[in-house]
Amino acid sequence: MSTTSRGPYLASLVSFILGLAVGTVGAFVQAARTPLFGVSIPWGVIFMLGVVVLAIRLAVNATRTRWAGSALFVGWLFVTIGFATKTPWSGDLIITTGGRQLTYLLVGVVLGSAAATVRPATQSMLAARMSAHDGS
């Protein structure tokens, strides 16, 4: 393998490690909620799903390859599934089986895989968007 072809692999490795970090933080933040007028607002789930999608899209657009976004998604998924299963040494669950947690898992998988498979934005796409906004 030549040194010029190592860039995408290195970017994917860094994205995978970032996905592990996002998944670890997300496992704890997704449980946050705030009671408002007797209704519990699950802001942690909404916030972390946004972070997951944003991180994946940033990885795809920064590296101009979907491999980096997919690697970040796989890292997030690896940690999230790990935290959703019982640990063999203590039997603890970090992501439990409640409605918010299942929403975080299922919607995260759908949004994360969708965000990872959309192709990166090109300069011509960005220029077209900018010209559309200038004309209005």
Protein backbone atom coordinates (compact mmCIF):
# COMPACT_ATOMS: atom_id res chain seq x y z
CA MET A 1 0.00 0.00 0.00
CA SER A 2 1.43 3.36 -0.96
CA THR A 3 1.46 6.35 1.37
CA THR A 4 -1.03 8.26 -0.79
CA SER A 5 -3.72 5.60 -0.36
CA ARG A 6 -3.51 5.56 3.45
CA GLY A 7 -5.53 8.77 3.85
CA PRO A 8 -9.02 7.25 3.61
CA TYR A 9 -8.03 4.39 5.91
CA LEU A 10 -6.61 6.77 8.49
CA ALA A 11 -9.70 8.99 8.25
CA SER A 12 -11.93 5.95 8.73
CA LEU A 13 -9.91 4.83 11.76
CA VAL A 14 -10.15 8.29 13.33
CA SER A 15 -13.88 8.36 12.56
CA PHE A 16 -14.35 4.93 14.15
CA ILE A 17 -12.63 6.13 17.33
CA LEU A 18 -14.78 9.27 17.29
CA GLY A 19 -17.84 7.03 16.91
CA LEU A 20 -16.76 5.09 19.99
CA ALA A 21 -16.55 8.37 21.92
CA VAL A 22 -19.93 9.64 20.65
CA GLY A 23 -21.53 6.31 21.54
CA THR A 24 -20.04 6.33 25.04
CA VAL A 25 -21.21 9.87 25.77
CA GLY A 26 -24.57 9.20 24.13
CA ALA A 27 -25.24 6.15 26.29
CA PHE A 28 -25.38 8.41 29.33
CA VAL A 29 -26.73 11.68 27.89
CA GLN A 30 -29.69 10.02 26.14
CA ALA A 31 -31.26 9.32 29.52
CA ALA A 32 -31.55 13.04 30.36
CA ARG A 33 -35.02 14.47 30.60
CA THR A 34 -36.69 17.54 32.08
CA PRO A 35 -40.17 17.64 33.57
CA LEU A 36 -42.15 20.56 32.19
CA PHE A 37 -45.74 21.13 33.37
CA GLY A 38 -46.05 17.50 34.36
CA VAL A 39 -44.69 16.17 31.06
CA SER A 40 -41.23 14.66 30.82
CA ILE A 41 -39.31 16.10 27.85
CA PRO A 42 -36.64 13.62 26.65
CA TRP A 43 -34.14 16.26 25.49
CA GLY A 44 -31.20 13.85 25.88
CA VAL A 45 -32.48 11.50 23.17
CA ILE A 46 -33.21 14.36 20.78
CA PHE A 47 -29.86 16.01 21.45
CA MET A 48 -27.80 12.83 21.03
CA LEU A 49 -29.60 11.77 17.85
CA GLY A 50 -28.74 15.20 16.43
CA VAL A 51 -25.12 14.82 17.54
CA VAL A 52 -24.87 11.38 15.91
CA VAL A 53 -26.26 12.60 12.57
CA LEU A 54 -24.18 15.79 12.65
CA ALA A 55 -20.97 13.93 13.47
CA ILE A 56 -21.55 11.42 10.67
CA ARG A 57 -22.31 14.12 8.11
CA LEU A 58 -19.26 16.14 9.19
CA ALA A 59 -17.07 13.05 8.80
CA VAL A 60 -18.48 12.38 5.32
CA ASN A 61 -18.11 15.97 4.13
CA ALA A 62 -14.70 16.57 5.74
CA THR A 63 -13.14 13.47 4.19
CA ARG A 64 -15.19 13.43 0.96
CA THR A 65 -15.80 9.72 1.45
CA ARG A 66 -18.70 7.74 2.86
CA TRP A 67 -16.25 5.30 4.45
CA ALA A 68 -15.50 7.77 7.24
CA GLY A 69 -19.20 8.29 7.98
CA SER A 70 -19.83 4.56 7.93
CA ALA A 71 -16.87 3.96 10.26
CA LEU A 72 -18.19 6.56 12.71
CA PHE A 73 -21.63 4.95 12.57
CA VAL A 74 -20.18 1.48 13.19
CA GLY A 75 -18.19 2.81 16.16
CA TRP A 76 -21.33 4.41 17.61
CA LEU A 77 -23.35 1.25 16.98
CA PHE A 78 -20.69 -0.99 18.52
CA VAL A 79 -20.64 0.95 21.79
CA THR A 80 -24.40 1.53 21.90
CA ILE A 81 -25.21 -2.16 21.43
CA GLY A 82 -22.55 -3.03 24.01
CA PHE A 83 -24.14 -0.71 26.56
CA ALA A 84 -27.61 -2.06 25.77
CA THR A 85 -26.64 -5.63 26.68
CA LYS A 86 -26.03 -7.01 30.15
CA THR A 87 -22.41 -7.01 31.21
CA PRO A 88 -21.22 -10.54 32.04
CA TRP A 89 -19.37 -9.45 35.18
CA SER A 90 -22.18 -7.55 36.92
CA GLY A 91 -25.37 -7.88 34.86
CA ASP A 92 -25.81 -4.10 34.60
CA LEU A 93 -27.54 -2.31 31.76
CA ILE A 94 -26.51 1.23 30.88
CA ILE A 95 -29.11 1.62 28.15
CA THR A 96 -32.22 0.01 29.60
CA THR A 97 -35.31 -1.31 27.82
CA GLY A 98 -37.56 1.73 28.25
CA GLY A 99 -39.33 3.56 25.45
CA ARG A 100 -36.81 6.43 25.28
CA GLN A 101 -33.89 4.02 25.14
CA LEU A 102 -35.44 1.88 22.41
CA THR A 103 -36.23 5.05 20.48
CA TYR A 104 -32.59 6.09 20.82
CA LEU A 105 -31.42 2.71 19.51
CA LEU A 106 -33.87 2.26 16.64
CA VAL A 107 -34.07 5.86 15.43
CA GLY A 108 -30.30 6.17 15.85
CA VAL A 109 -29.74 3.17 13.61
CA VAL A 110 -32.10 4.49 10.93
CA LEU A 111 -30.83 8.09 10.98
CA GLY A 112 -27.18 7.05 11.35
CA SER A 113 -27.24 4.64 8.43
CA ALA A 114 -29.09 7.19 6.30
CA ALA A 115 -26.61 9.94 7.17
CA ALA A 116 -23.66 7.67 6.40
CA THR A 117 -24.92 6.68 2.95
CA VAL A 118 -25.72 10.14 1.56
CA ARG A 119 -22.88 11.26 -0.67
CA PRO A 120 -20.68 14.17 0.37
CA ALA A 121 -21.63 17.67 -0.71
CA THR A 122 -19.58 18.96 -3.65
CA GLN A 123 -18.50 22.51 -4.36
CA SER A 124 -20.99 22.78 -7.22
CA MET A 125 -23.84 21.69 -4.91
CA LEU A 126 -22.82 24.28 -2.35
CA ALA A 127 -22.49 27.00 -5.00
CA ALA A 128 -25.96 26.18 -6.35
CA ARG A 129 -27.43 26.47 -2.87
CA MET A 130 -25.69 29.78 -2.26
CA SER A 131 -26.87 31.24 -5.58
CA ALA A 132 -30.44 30.11 -4.83
CA HIS A 133 -30.36 32.03 -1.55
CA ASP A 134 -28.81 35.13 -3.14
CA GLY A 135 -31.56 35.36 -5.75
CA SER A 136 -34.43 35.49 -3.24
